[in-house]
Amino acid sequence: MRNYELILLLLLYACKGGSSIPNKATLDHDFMQDDSDNVPGIMVQLRRRGFEEASHAFTDVINAKIRQVTVSIPDIKYSETYLGATWEVTVSNMKIDHFDTPDAVSLTPSEPNFVDVYCPNLIIRGSADIFIRQPGFLPDINGKVFMSTKQATLLMSFVMNNNAYIAQPISSDIIKCDAQLGDWDIAFDLSGISGWIVDKILSAFTYIFYGTISEYLQPQVCDHAPNFVKTYVNDNSERIPPSISAKDVLESMGITGNREPSNTIRSYVRHILQSEKLKELLLFYGVMQSTSDGNTFTVELDGSFRQDFDSERPHFNHWKISPSDSDATNEMMLGLFISDNTFNTLFAEMQRISFLDIVLRPDSPTSIGEFLRANCKQQSCLKDLVPVLQRNGAFHGTDVYLRIRAKRAPSMVFGQDGRVFVDLLATADFMVDPNNWQGFGRLEIATNVDFNVAISEGNKLTLFANIAKLKLTEIGNGLRFTEADLDIDNEKLEGLEEEINDVLGTLTIPTDIAEDFVTLRKTDVRIVEHALQINVDFKFKPMSQE
């Protein structure tokens, strides 16, 4: 009797998920009981090459924005006395209206949690009208003043605001702005009488100009910086919703799709995961903290599934980013670390909405339905596995409904070397009437499964299951199982593992993903201690310069 075929059904449909336990022999572990509300569920790490790519992308954006800047300088009036005569000078309509960044903008992380934007060798040009009233009967002088510099620099430092505990979009602020204007070239185009006296008067203007430009231009350039942040950072951030549904998350990973159930267990699992109930499960990813070590910038995100923003956030186990032993991985632009805490809140929410409470029906147009029917003619049938359904049994000739429920939320822990520990505890009720929840028998399944995750060429991810512990208990005696029936020996475990591995199959993770403004490349996925690590390179598409 191949009892493991029945167990396979119970395992696959009762617990479509799993934070497990390092001690696989302990079945009453409660993952959520721990010590801190401030532990993130997700961490994002932008590395050196990522900042280099971001620098290239933002050079054009900053150039486009800075070209829109116009700074008006108040009129300058002064007088100079030479040879007993007073010369009055008025400089008006002074505007600094040309800014350009010929060199690449540099984005770099700096301690403790800043991103610095450095614009070197800024080109700044401006002009003004000049009027010189000469003493006596000499004619007045009119003309233009032209000023320029190619040595100005602009340094802005951003800080990311924490928003995990307030219902506001992700945002940044400028906490420092420093504009160094450098040396200026000043030229005059005058009409009227000129000479050494006029030259002497105009040399005084240069001295006055430096004082004025420092007083007015430098702060006005920095006054425009917050507007840049608002336009190009915060306004775009406001379009990002504060949460995403579990259904959207799974679809983005290619785990679900708009497919009708086919005659396979694997496709049936996919079909179940298309449930609209998954839209009720929301992943919140507000910023809890950001830090920088001068080489990488790390953002810690909430990363918890909850009913809504006001729902209490679960306690998380402490974890930290594990450095990769691969230099190639460490050199990739972006690292995304999704902790087992996050997955466990998903399973807890699934338990809350009874997503892990399903009914398998004999009228289902799949091999599952055939498996449950009294006239089942396929190689494996429920009627051949359960004593009470066999000939002379009380329910012989009866179609059976199976109600599968997780007794508690499944749990999972990511271990080292690509291992995932899953802890499941579920019940299966056998019913002849789906409206009669009491049924005629119940099985309880408690198991620890150790999955080894292998990633091969082409980003093909394969799970290999190893059942570390499996215990079946009949509640009551309605199914008439004997102790021998429920004893799962090594041979049966190996058969069950084979079946599970066949169902799990291989998932191909896309290496290149194109979005509206960025293309993700060379996606690398691996399991590290307490986290699913996803490393990517990326390429920004040309950004709007409006």
Protein backbone atom coordinates (compact mmCIF):
# COMPACT_ATOMS: atom_id res chain seq x y z
CA MET A 1 0.00 0.00 0.00
CA ARG A 2 1.54 3.30 -1.09
CA ASN A 3 0.39 5.46 1.82
CA TYR A 4 2.90 8.13 0.90
CA GLU A 5 0.70 9.12 -2.07
CA LEU A 6 -1.98 10.25 0.36
CA ILE A 7 0.63 12.00 2.49
CA LEU A 8 1.93 13.80 -0.58
CA LEU A 9 -1.50 15.32 -1.15
CA LEU A 10 -1.77 16.41 2.44
CA LEU A 11 1.68 17.98 2.46
CA LEU A 12 1.27 19.84 -0.81
CA TYR A 13 -2.18 21.26 -0.21
CA ALA A 14 -2.26 21.72 3.52
CA CYS A 15 0.82 23.82 3.73
CA LYS A 16 1.66 25.75 0.61
CA GLY A 17 4.55 27.45 2.29
CA GLY A 18 6.53 27.22 5.20
CA SER A 19 9.99 29.73 9.04
CA SER A 20 11.14 26.65 10.20
CA ILE A 21 13.33 25.56 12.88
CA PRO A 22 17.00 24.80 13.04
CA ASN A 23 16.18 22.04 15.52
CA LYS A 24 14.08 19.92 13.21
CA ALA A 25 12.94 17.60 15.96
CA THR A 26 11.01 20.37 17.72
CA LEU A 27 7.49 20.68 16.38
CA ASP A 28 6.06 23.24 18.80
CA HIS A 29 8.44 26.04 17.83
CA ASP A 30 6.79 29.48 17.59
CA PHE A 31 8.88 31.57 15.25
CA MET A 32 7.17 34.85 16.05
CA GLN A 33 8.15 34.97 19.71
CA ASP A 34 11.25 37.13 19.90
CA ASP A 35 12.60 40.35 21.20
CA SER A 36 12.49 43.29 18.83
CA ASP A 37 10.01 45.40 16.90
CA ASN A 38 12.83 47.16 15.07
CA VAL A 39 14.26 44.24 13.11
CA PRO A 40 13.76 44.70 9.34
CA GLY A 41 12.28 42.03 7.13
CA ILE A 42 14.04 43.19 3.96
CA MET A 43 17.38 44.87 3.33
CA VAL A 44 18.51 46.53 0.11
CA GLN A 45 22.20 47.17 -0.47
CA LEU A 46 23.39 49.54 -3.21
CA ARG A 47 27.05 48.87 -3.92
CA ARG A 48 29.90 50.80 -5.54
CA ARG A 49 29.13 49.82 -9.15
CA GLY A 50 25.48 50.59 -8.54
CA PHE A 51 26.39 54.14 -7.56
CA GLU A 52 28.51 54.42 -10.69
CA GLU A 53 25.53 53.48 -12.87
CA ALA A 54 23.27 55.84 -10.92
CA SER A 55 25.83 58.62 -11.43
CA HIS A 56 25.70 58.17 -15.21
CA ALA A 57 21.92 58.21 -15.19
CA PHE A 58 21.62 61.30 -13.02
CA THR A 59 24.20 63.38 -14.88
CA ASP A 60 21.73 64.19 -17.66
CA VAL A 61 18.90 64.68 -15.19
CA ILE A 62 20.84 67.11 -13.02
CA ASN A 63 22.16 68.91 -16.09
CA ALA A 64 18.64 69.37 -17.39
CA LYS A 65 17.45 70.69 -14.05
CA ILE A 66 20.36 73.01 -13.40
CA ARG A 67 19.98 74.59 -16.84
CA GLN A 68 16.58 75.84 -15.74
CA VAL A 69 18.08 77.82 -12.87
CA THR A 70 18.17 81.61 -13.19
CA VAL A 71 19.50 83.73 -10.35
CA SER A 72 18.79 87.46 -10.20
CA ILE A 73 21.27 89.69 -8.36
CA PRO A 74 20.21 93.06 -6.89
CA ASP A 75 21.55 96.22 -8.50
CA ILE A 76 25.02 97.27 -7.47
CA LYS A 77 25.70 100.98 -6.96
CA TYR A 78 28.99 102.50 -5.91
CA SER A 79 31.14 105.54 -6.53
CA GLU A 80 34.85 106.10 -6.90
CA THR A 81 36.78 109.37 -6.58
CA TYR A 82 39.78 110.00 -8.81
CA LEU A 83 41.63 113.24 -9.41
CA GLY A 84 39.13 115.10 -7.28
CA ALA A 85 36.13 113.92 -9.32
CA THR A 86 33.41 111.43 -8.36
CA TRP A 87 32.43 108.69 -10.76
CA GLU A 88 29.06 106.98 -10.10
CA VAL A 89 28.62 103.37 -11.26
CA THR A 90 25.34 101.42 -11.48
CA VAL A 91 25.21 97.72 -12.42
CA SER A 92 21.65 96.54 -13.06
CA ASN A 93 19.67 93.63 -14.51
CA MET A 94 22.35 91.19 -13.35
CA LYS A 95 21.31 87.61 -14.08
CA ILE A 96 23.17 84.34 -13.77
CA ASP A 97 21.26 82.29 -16.32
CA HIS A 98 23.62 79.66 -17.71
CA PHE A 99 24.58 76.60 -15.71
CA ASP A 100 26.11 73.48 -17.23
CA THR A 101 27.77 70.31 -15.96
CA PRO A 102 30.32 69.19 -18.57
CA ASP A 103 31.73 66.50 -16.29
CA ALA A 104 29.87 63.48 -14.94
CA VAL A 105 27.97 63.88 -11.71
CA SER A 106 29.19 61.62 -8.93
CA LEU A 107 26.87 59.83 -6.48
CA THR A 108 28.62 58.25 -3.51
CA PRO A 109 27.57 56.94 -0.10
CA SER A 110 29.01 58.60 2.98
CA GLU A 111 28.77 57.92 6.68
CA PRO A 112 26.58 57.63 8.60
CA ASN A 113 23.59 57.51 6.23
CA PHE A 114 24.10 60.05 3.46
CA VAL A 115 24.22 59.96 -0.32
CA ASP A 116 26.45 62.72 -1.68
CA VAL A 117 25.85 64.27 -5.10
CA TYR A 118 28.96 66.05 -6.37
CA CYS A 119 28.93 68.24 -9.48
CA PRO A 120 32.50 69.27 -10.42
CA ASN A 121 33.66 71.99 -12.80
CA LEU A 122 30.31 73.68 -13.18
CA ILE A 123 30.16 76.27 -15.94
CA ILE A 124 28.26 79.37 -14.83
CA ARG A 125 27.71 82.46 -16.97
CA GLY A 126 25.81 85.69 -16.53
CA SER A 127 25.53 89.28 -17.69
CA ALA A 128 24.45 92.72 -16.50
CA ASP A 129 23.98 96.29 -17.72
CA ILE A 130 26.50 98.89 -16.53
CA PHE A 131 26.08 102.67 -16.45
CA ILE A 132 28.89 105.07 -15.52
CA ARG A 133 28.09 108.72 -14.87
CA GLN A 134 31.23 110.75 -15.39
CA PRO A 135 31.88 114.11 -13.69
CA GLY A 136 31.65 117.44 -15.35
CA PHE A 137 30.66 117.61 -18.96
CA LEU A 138 32.00 114.19 -19.98
CA PRO A 139 29.46 111.88 -21.63
CA ASP A 140 28.01 108.95 -19.69
CA ILE A 141 29.23 105.44 -20.44
CA ASN A 142 26.79 102.56 -21.14
CA GLY A 143 27.66 98.94 -21.67
CA LYS A 144 27.47 95.30 -20.67
CA VAL A 145 29.30 93.19 -18.13
CA PHE A 146 29.88 89.50 -18.82
CA MET A 147 30.98 87.13 -16.05
CA SER A 148 31.79 83.43 -16.17
CA THR A 149 33.49 80.66 -14.23
CA LYS A 150 34.44 77.10 -15.09
CA GLN A 151 35.63 76.13 -11.64
CA ALA A 152 32.45 76.08 -9.57
CA THR A 153 31.46 72.96 -7.64
CA LEU A 154 28.22 71.83 -6.02
CA LEU A 155 27.97 69.25 -3.25
CA MET A 156 24.60 68.08 -1.93
CA SER A 157 24.03 65.44 0.74
CA PHE A 158 20.74 63.55 0.90
CA VAL A 159 19.27 61.56 3.73
CA MET A 160 16.44 59.04 3.33
CA ASN A 161 13.56 59.63 5.73
CA ASN A 162 12.21 56.75 7.80
CA ASN A 163 8.53 56.11 7.08
CA ALA A 164 7.87 52.61 8.41
CA TYR A 165 5.83 53.96 11.31
CA ILE A 166 3.99 56.78 9.55
CA ALA A 167 1.60 56.50 6.63
CA GLN A 168 3.68 58.63 4.25
CA PRO A 169 5.52 57.90 1.00
CA ILE A 170 9.24 57.25 0.89
CA SER A 171 11.06 60.60 0.77
CA SER A 172 14.47 62.23 1.03
CA ASP A 173 15.73 65.58 2.28
CA ILE A 174 18.85 67.59 1.56
CA ILE A 175 20.73 68.05 4.79
CA LYS A 176 23.76 69.82 3.33
CA CYS A 177 24.42 71.96 0.28
CA ASP A 178 27.71 73.65 -0.48
CA ALA A 179 28.33 75.71 -3.63
CA GLN A 180 31.90 76.82 -4.27
CA LEU A 181 31.98 79.42 -7.04
CA GLY A 182 35.70 79.55 -7.85
CA ASP A 183 37.44 82.33 -9.79
CA TRP A 184 35.51 84.41 -12.30
CA ASP A 185 36.42 85.96 -15.63
CA ILE A 186 34.86 89.42 -16.03
CA ALA A 187 34.70 91.26 -19.34
CA PHE A 188 33.21 94.64 -20.27
CA ASP A 189 31.73 95.89 -23.50
CA LEU A 190 31.49 99.68 -23.15
CA SER A 191 30.52 102.59 -25.38
CA GLY A 192 31.83 106.09 -24.80
CA ILE A 193 35.10 107.44 -23.53
CA SER A 194 37.40 104.99 -21.84
CA GLY A 195 40.93 105.00 -20.61
CA TRP A 196 43.01 104.31 -17.58
CA ILE A 197 40.53 106.12 -15.29
CA VAL A 198 37.64 103.93 -16.47
CA ASP A 199 39.81 100.84 -16.11
CA LYS A 200 40.57 101.82 -12.53
CA ILE A 201 36.87 102.30 -11.79
CA LEU A 202 35.97 98.92 -13.30
CA SER A 203 38.67 97.11 -11.34
CA ALA A 204 36.79 98.19 -8.21
CA PHE A 205 33.72 96.44 -9.62
CA THR A 206 35.53 93.10 -9.63
CA TYR A 207 36.14 93.35 -5.89
CA ILE A 208 32.53 94.35 -5.20
CA PHE A 209 31.22 91.62 -7.55
CA TYR A 210 32.93 88.83 -5.59
CA GLY A 211 31.30 89.98 -2.37
CA THR A 212 27.88 90.28 -4.00
CA ILE A 213 28.04 86.97 -5.85
CA SER A 214 28.99 85.16 -2.65
CA GLU A 215 26.12 86.79 -0.78
CA TYR A 216 23.39 86.13 -3.35
CA LEU A 217 24.36 83.43 -5.83
CA GLN A 218 25.68 80.76 -3.48
CA PRO A 219 22.55 80.56 -1.28
CA GLN A 220 20.20 80.81 -4.27
CA VAL A 221 21.85 77.84 -5.98
CA CYS A 222 21.30 75.83 -2.81
CA ASP A 223 17.74 77.12 -2.54
CA HIS A 224 17.01 75.30 -5.80
CA ALA A 225 18.39 71.99 -4.48
CA PRO A 226 15.29 71.06 -2.40
CA ASN A 227 13.16 71.65 -5.48
CA PHE A 228 15.36 69.18 -7.35
CA VAL A 229 14.80 66.58 -4.63
CA LYS A 230 11.07 67.17 -4.69
CA THR A 231 10.81 66.98 -8.48
CA TYR A 232 13.06 64.03 -9.22
CA VAL A 233 12.95 62.02 -6.02
CA ASN A 234 10.00 62.68 -3.77
CA ASP A 235 7.37 63.28 -6.46
CA ASN A 236 8.27 59.96 -8.09
CA SER A 237 8.34 58.24 -4.70
CA GLU A 238 4.77 59.36 -4.06
CA ARG A 239 3.69 57.11 -6.93
CA ILE A 240 5.01 54.06 -5.08
CA PRO A 241 2.20 52.46 -3.03
CA PRO A 242 2.97 51.79 0.66
CA SER A 243 2.27 48.09 0.19
CA ILE A 244 1.94 45.36 -2.43
CA SER A 245 -0.36 42.35 -2.34
CA ALA A 246 0.93 38.80 -2.01
CA LYS A 247 -0.77 37.99 -5.31
CA ASP A 248 1.27 40.66 -7.11
CA VAL A 249 4.47 39.50 -5.40
CA LEU A 250 3.96 35.88 -6.48
CA GLU A 251 3.04 36.89 -10.02
CA SER A 252 6.18 39.03 -10.30
CA MET A 253 8.21 35.96 -9.32
CA GLY A 254 6.48 33.87 -11.95
CA ILE A 255 4.98 31.55 -9.33
CA THR A 256 1.40 32.18 -10.37
CA GLY A 257 -0.20 32.91 -13.67
CA ASN A 258 -3.52 33.05 -15.45
CA ARG A 259 -3.70 29.36 -16.13
CA GLU A 260 -6.56 26.96 -15.82
CA PRO A 261 -5.92 23.88 -13.71
CA SER A 262 -4.63 21.00 -15.77
CA ASN A 263 -4.36 17.35 -15.02
CA THR A 264 -1.21 17.67 -12.88
CA ILE A 265 -0.58 18.28 -9.22
CA ARG A 266 1.89 21.05 -9.98
CA SER A 267 -0.53 23.02 -12.12
CA TYR A 268 -3.23 22.52 -9.52
CA VAL A 269 -0.99 24.15 -6.91
CA ARG A 270 -0.46 27.08 -9.30
CA HIS A 271 -4.21 27.35 -9.75
CA ILE A 272 -4.79 27.49 -5.99
CA LEU A 273 -2.20 30.26 -5.68
CA GLN A 274 -4.24 32.39 -8.09
CA SER A 275 -6.84 32.84 -5.36
CA GLU A 276 -8.16 36.37 -5.06
CA LYS A 277 -7.70 35.96 -1.31
CA LEU A 278 -4.03 36.69 -1.85
CA LYS A 279 -4.98 40.29 -2.64
CA GLU A 280 -5.92 40.66 1.04
CA LEU A 281 -2.35 39.94 2.14
CA LEU A 282 -0.30 43.14 2.02
CA LEU A 283 3.47 43.45 2.18
CA PHE A 284 4.54 46.73 3.79
CA TYR A 285 8.02 48.00 2.95
CA GLY A 286 8.41 51.35 4.68
CA VAL A 287 11.94 52.54 5.45
CA MET A 288 13.02 51.68 8.99
CA GLN A 289 16.62 52.86 8.75
CA SER A 290 19.38 53.60 6.26
CA THR A 291 23.11 53.34 6.85
CA SER A 292 26.34 53.75 4.91
CA ASP A 293 29.86 52.54 5.50
CA GLY A 294 31.31 54.78 2.80
CA ASN A 295 31.30 51.98 0.23
CA THR A 296 27.73 50.65 0.26
CA PHE A 297 24.37 52.14 1.17
CA THR A 298 21.98 49.85 3.02
CA VAL A 299 18.26 50.47 3.45
CA GLU A 300 16.33 48.45 6.03
CA LEU A 301 12.66 47.96 5.14
CA ASP A 302 9.67 46.83 7.18
CA GLY A 303 9.10 43.69 5.11
CA SER A 304 6.08 42.36 6.99
CA PHE A 305 2.78 41.07 5.66
CA ARG A 306 -0.11 42.57 7.62
CA GLN A 307 -3.83 43.13 7.28
CA ASP A 308 -3.38 46.91 7.03
CA PHE A 309 -0.96 49.64 8.04
CA ASP A 310 -2.47 50.01 11.52
CA SER A 311 -2.21 46.30 12.32
CA GLU A 312 0.40 45.37 14.89
CA ARG A 313 3.74 44.52 13.35
CA PRO A 314 5.01 41.07 14.42
CA HIS A 315 8.23 40.62 16.35
CA PHE A 316 11.13 39.51 14.19
CA ASN A 317 14.15 37.37 14.89
CA HIS A 318 17.47 39.19 14.59
CA TRP A 319 19.46 38.56 11.43
CA LYS A 320 22.14 40.34 9.44
CA ILE A 321 23.43 40.43 5.89
CA SER A 322 25.85 37.58 5.37
CA PRO A 323 28.80 38.58 3.19
CA SER A 324 29.08 36.40 0.11
CA ASP A 325 32.14 34.27 -0.43
CA SER A 326 31.91 35.19 -4.11
CA ASP A 327 33.82 38.29 -5.21
CA ALA A 328 31.69 38.39 -8.37
CA THR A 329 28.52 38.55 -6.27
CA ASN A 330 29.91 41.27 -4.01
CA GLU A 331 30.72 43.33 -7.11
CA MET A 332 27.16 43.24 -8.43
CA MET A 333 25.37 46.56 -8.27
CA LEU A 334 22.45 45.76 -5.99
CA GLY A 335 21.76 43.17 -3.34
CA LEU A 336 18.22 42.41 -2.13
CA PHE A 337 17.90 40.33 1.03
CA ILE A 338 14.44 38.98 1.95
CA SER A 339 14.54 37.41 5.39
CA ASP A 340 12.69 34.33 6.52
CA ASN A 341 10.87 36.72 8.88
CA THR A 342 9.07 38.18 5.86
CA PHE A 343 8.02 34.78 4.53
CA ASN A 344 6.77 33.75 7.95
CA THR A 345 4.51 36.80 8.22
CA LEU A 346 3.08 35.78 4.85
CA PHE A 347 2.28 32.31 6.19
CA ALA A 348 0.83 33.80 9.38
CA GLU A 349 -1.44 36.03 7.31
CA MET A 350 -2.43 33.08 5.14
CA GLN A 351 -3.42 31.29 8.31
CA ARG A 352 -5.40 34.32 9.51
CA ILE A 353 -7.58 34.48 6.40
CA SER A 354 -7.91 30.67 6.26
CA PHE A 355 -6.03 30.55 2.97
CA LEU A 356 -4.47 27.33 4.24
CA ASP A 357 -7.96 25.86 4.67
CA ILE A 358 -9.02 24.22 1.41
CA VAL A 359 -11.31 21.48 0.20
CA LEU A 360 -10.22 18.94 -2.42
CA ARG A 361 -13.26 17.78 -4.36
CA PRO A 362 -13.96 14.56 -6.27
CA ASP A 363 -15.72 16.56 -9.00
CA SER A 364 -12.54 18.49 -9.78
CA PRO A 365 -11.53 17.97 -13.46
CA THR A 366 -8.00 16.97 -12.48
CA SER A 367 -6.15 13.90 -11.37
CA ILE A 368 -6.91 15.06 -7.83
CA GLY A 369 -10.63 14.69 -8.44
CA GLU A 370 -10.10 11.26 -9.99
CA PHE A 371 -7.97 10.26 -6.99
CA LEU A 372 -10.90 10.99 -4.62
CA ARG A 373 -13.66 9.24 -6.59
CA ALA A 374 -15.14 5.87 -5.69
CA ASN A 375 -14.83 4.73 -9.31
CA CYS A 376 -11.21 5.90 -9.57
CA LYS A 377 -9.38 3.90 -12.22
CA GLN A 378 -5.96 5.53 -12.21
CA GLN A 379 -2.90 3.80 -10.81
CA SER A 380 -3.22 5.48 -7.42
CA CYS A 381 -6.62 5.95 -5.75
CA LEU A 382 -7.67 7.06 -2.28
CA LYS A 383 -10.05 4.10 -1.98
CA ASP A 384 -7.05 1.76 -2.08
CA LEU A 385 -5.20 3.59 0.69
CA VAL A 386 -7.79 4.16 3.42
CA PRO A 387 -9.20 1.02 5.13
CA VAL A 388 -12.69 2.43 5.69
CA LEU A 389 -13.04 3.05 1.92
CA GLN A 390 -12.04 -0.45 0.90
CA ARG A 391 -14.38 -3.36 0.29
CA ASN A 392 -16.40 -4.15 3.42
CA GLY A 393 -15.52 -0.71 4.80
CA ALA A 394 -18.28 1.57 6.10
CA PHE A 395 -17.73 4.11 3.29
CA HIS A 396 -16.91 1.76 0.43
CA GLY A 397 -18.18 3.15 -2.89
CA THR A 398 -18.27 6.73 -1.61
CA ASP A 399 -16.73 9.78 -3.24
CA VAL A 400 -14.58 11.59 -0.68
CA TYR A 401 -13.98 15.25 0.01
CA LEU A 402 -10.77 16.20 1.80
CA ARG A 403 -10.62 19.35 3.91
CA ILE A 404 -6.99 20.29 4.51
CA ARG A 405 -6.11 22.80 7.23
CA ALA A 406 -2.87 24.02 8.73
CA LYS A 407 -3.21 23.78 12.51
CA ARG A 408 -0.75 26.63 12.84
CA ALA A 409 1.01 28.84 10.36
CA PRO A 410 3.82 26.97 8.61
CA SER A 411 7.28 28.27 9.37
CA MET A 412 10.56 28.39 7.52
CA VAL A 413 14.21 29.18 8.17
CA PHE A 414 16.88 29.83 5.54
CA GLY A 415 20.10 28.08 6.46
CA GLN A 416 23.58 28.17 5.07
CA ASP A 417 24.62 26.49 1.84
CA GLY A 418 21.23 26.80 0.17
CA ARG A 419 19.21 24.92 2.79
CA VAL A 420 15.63 25.74 3.77
CA PHE A 421 14.01 24.18 6.84
CA VAL A 422 10.21 23.95 6.76
CA ASP A 423 7.96 23.05 9.69
CA LEU A 424 4.38 21.90 8.95
CA LEU A 425 1.50 20.82 11.15
CA ALA A 426 -1.81 20.11 9.43
CA THR A 427 -4.98 18.08 9.61
CA ALA A 428 -7.00 16.34 6.91
CA ASP A 429 -10.72 15.72 7.42
CA PHE A 430 -12.40 13.02 5.30
CA MET A 431 -15.98 13.90 4.36
CA VAL A 432 -18.77 12.56 2.20
CA ASP A 433 -20.57 15.91 2.35
CA PRO A 434 -18.52 19.11 2.01
CA ASN A 435 -21.17 20.92 4.05
CA ASN A 436 -20.71 18.56 6.98
CA TRP A 437 -17.40 19.62 8.49
CA GLN A 438 -17.35 16.82 11.04
CA GLY A 439 -16.64 14.17 8.42
CA PHE A 440 -15.89 10.56 9.23
CA GLY A 441 -12.17 10.65 9.96
CA ARG A 442 -9.18 12.87 10.59
CA LEU A 443 -5.44 12.60 10.12
CA GLU A 444 -2.85 14.90 11.69
CA ILE A 445 0.45 15.38 9.88
CA ALA A 446 3.52 16.85 11.58
CA THR A 447 6.70 17.11 9.56
CA ASN A 448 10.02 18.85 9.16
CA VAL A 449 11.34 19.08 5.62
CA ASP A 450 14.88 20.12 4.76
CA PHE A 451 15.06 21.56 1.24
CA ASN A 452 18.34 21.92 -0.59
CA VAL A 453 18.21 24.68 -3.16
CA ALA A 454 20.40 24.20 -6.23
CA ILE A 455 20.91 26.93 -8.81
CA SER A 456 22.36 25.77 -12.09
CA GLU A 457 23.42 27.46 -15.31
CA GLY A 458 20.72 29.63 -16.80
CA ASN A 459 19.40 30.59 -13.34
CA LYS A 460 17.47 27.35 -13.02
CA LEU A 461 16.40 26.90 -9.41
CA THR A 462 15.65 23.38 -8.23
CA LEU A 463 14.42 22.29 -4.79
CA PHE A 464 15.38 18.88 -3.42
CA ALA A 465 13.31 17.74 -0.44
CA ASN A 466 14.65 15.68 2.41
CA ILE A 467 12.02 14.73 4.99
CA ALA A 468 13.80 14.91 8.33
CA LYS A 469 10.74 13.92 10.34
CA LEU A 470 7.21 12.80 9.51
CA LYS A 471 4.60 11.76 12.02
CA LEU A 472 1.05 10.67 11.14
CA THR A 473 -1.62 10.43 13.80
CA GLU A 474 -5.22 9.37 13.29
CA ILE A 475 -7.55 11.42 15.46
CA GLY A 476 -10.25 8.98 16.54
CA ASN A 477 -10.60 5.69 14.69
CA GLY A 478 -12.94 6.57 11.85
CA LEU A 479 -10.46 5.73 9.10
CA ARG A 480 -9.52 2.38 10.63
CA PHE A 481 -5.80 2.85 10.08
CA THR A 482 -3.57 0.45 11.94
CA GLU A 483 -0.31 1.48 13.55
CA ALA A 484 1.53 -0.25 10.73
CA ASP A 485 -0.41 1.77 8.15
CA LEU A 486 0.81 5.02 9.72
CA ASP A 487 4.38 3.90 10.15
CA ILE A 488 6.44 5.62 7.47
CA ASP A 489 9.62 3.64 6.96
CA ASN A 490 12.68 4.77 5.01
CA GLU A 491 11.48 3.20 1.78
CA LYS A 492 8.19 5.08 1.96
CA LEU A 493 9.99 8.33 2.85
CA GLU A 494 12.23 7.99 -0.17
CA GLY A 495 9.22 7.42 -2.38
CA LEU A 496 7.50 10.45 -0.90
CA GLU A 497 10.60 12.59 -1.40
CA GLU A 498 10.72 11.48 -5.03
CA GLU A 499 7.10 12.47 -5.54
CA ILE A 500 7.60 15.87 -3.87
CA ASN A 501 10.70 16.62 -5.93
CA ASP A 502 8.85 15.67 -9.10
CA VAL A 503 6.05 18.10 -8.21
CA LEU A 504 8.42 20.91 -7.27
CA GLY A 505 10.28 20.67 -10.56
CA THR A 506 12.56 23.48 -11.69
CA LEU A 507 11.86 27.21 -11.68
CA THR A 508 13.73 29.36 -14.19
CA ILE A 509 14.46 32.80 -12.80
CA PRO A 510 14.64 35.51 -15.50
CA THR A 511 18.15 36.92 -15.85
CA ASP A 512 17.03 40.12 -17.59
CA ILE A 513 13.90 42.02 -16.55
CA ALA A 514 12.89 45.25 -18.31
CA GLU A 515 10.80 47.79 -16.42
CA ASP A 516 9.66 51.30 -17.35
CA PHE A 517 12.88 53.05 -16.36
CA VAL A 518 15.40 50.32 -15.61
CA THR A 519 16.56 46.96 -16.92
CA LEU A 520 17.71 44.34 -14.43
CA ARG A 521 20.54 42.16 -15.69
CA LYS A 522 22.48 39.07 -14.62
CA THR A 523 20.09 38.22 -11.81
CA ASP A 524 21.78 35.95 -9.29
CA VAL A 525 19.71 34.15 -6.63
CA ARG A 526 21.03 32.22 -3.65
CA ILE A 527 20.07 31.15 -0.15
CA VAL A 528 22.17 32.60 2.67
CA GLU A 529 21.71 32.38 6.41
CA HIS A 530 18.22 33.68 7.26
CA ALA A 531 17.63 35.30 3.87
CA LEU A 532 16.89 34.85 0.21
CA GLN A 533 19.59 36.90 -1.52
CA ILE A 534 18.99 38.36 -4.98
CA ASN A 535 21.90 40.16 -6.65
CA VAL A 536 21.42 42.13 -9.85
CA ASP A 537 23.15 44.53 -12.16
CA PHE A 538 20.95 47.21 -13.67
CA LYS A 539 20.90 49.77 -16.43
CA PHE A 540 18.81 52.91 -16.24
CA LYS A 541 16.92 53.92 -19.33
CA PRO A 542 17.22 57.57 -20.43
CA MET A 543 15.31 59.65 -17.92
CA SER A 544 12.85 62.38 -18.74
CA GLN A 545 14.41 65.83 -18.70
CA GLU A 546 11.16 67.73 -18.47
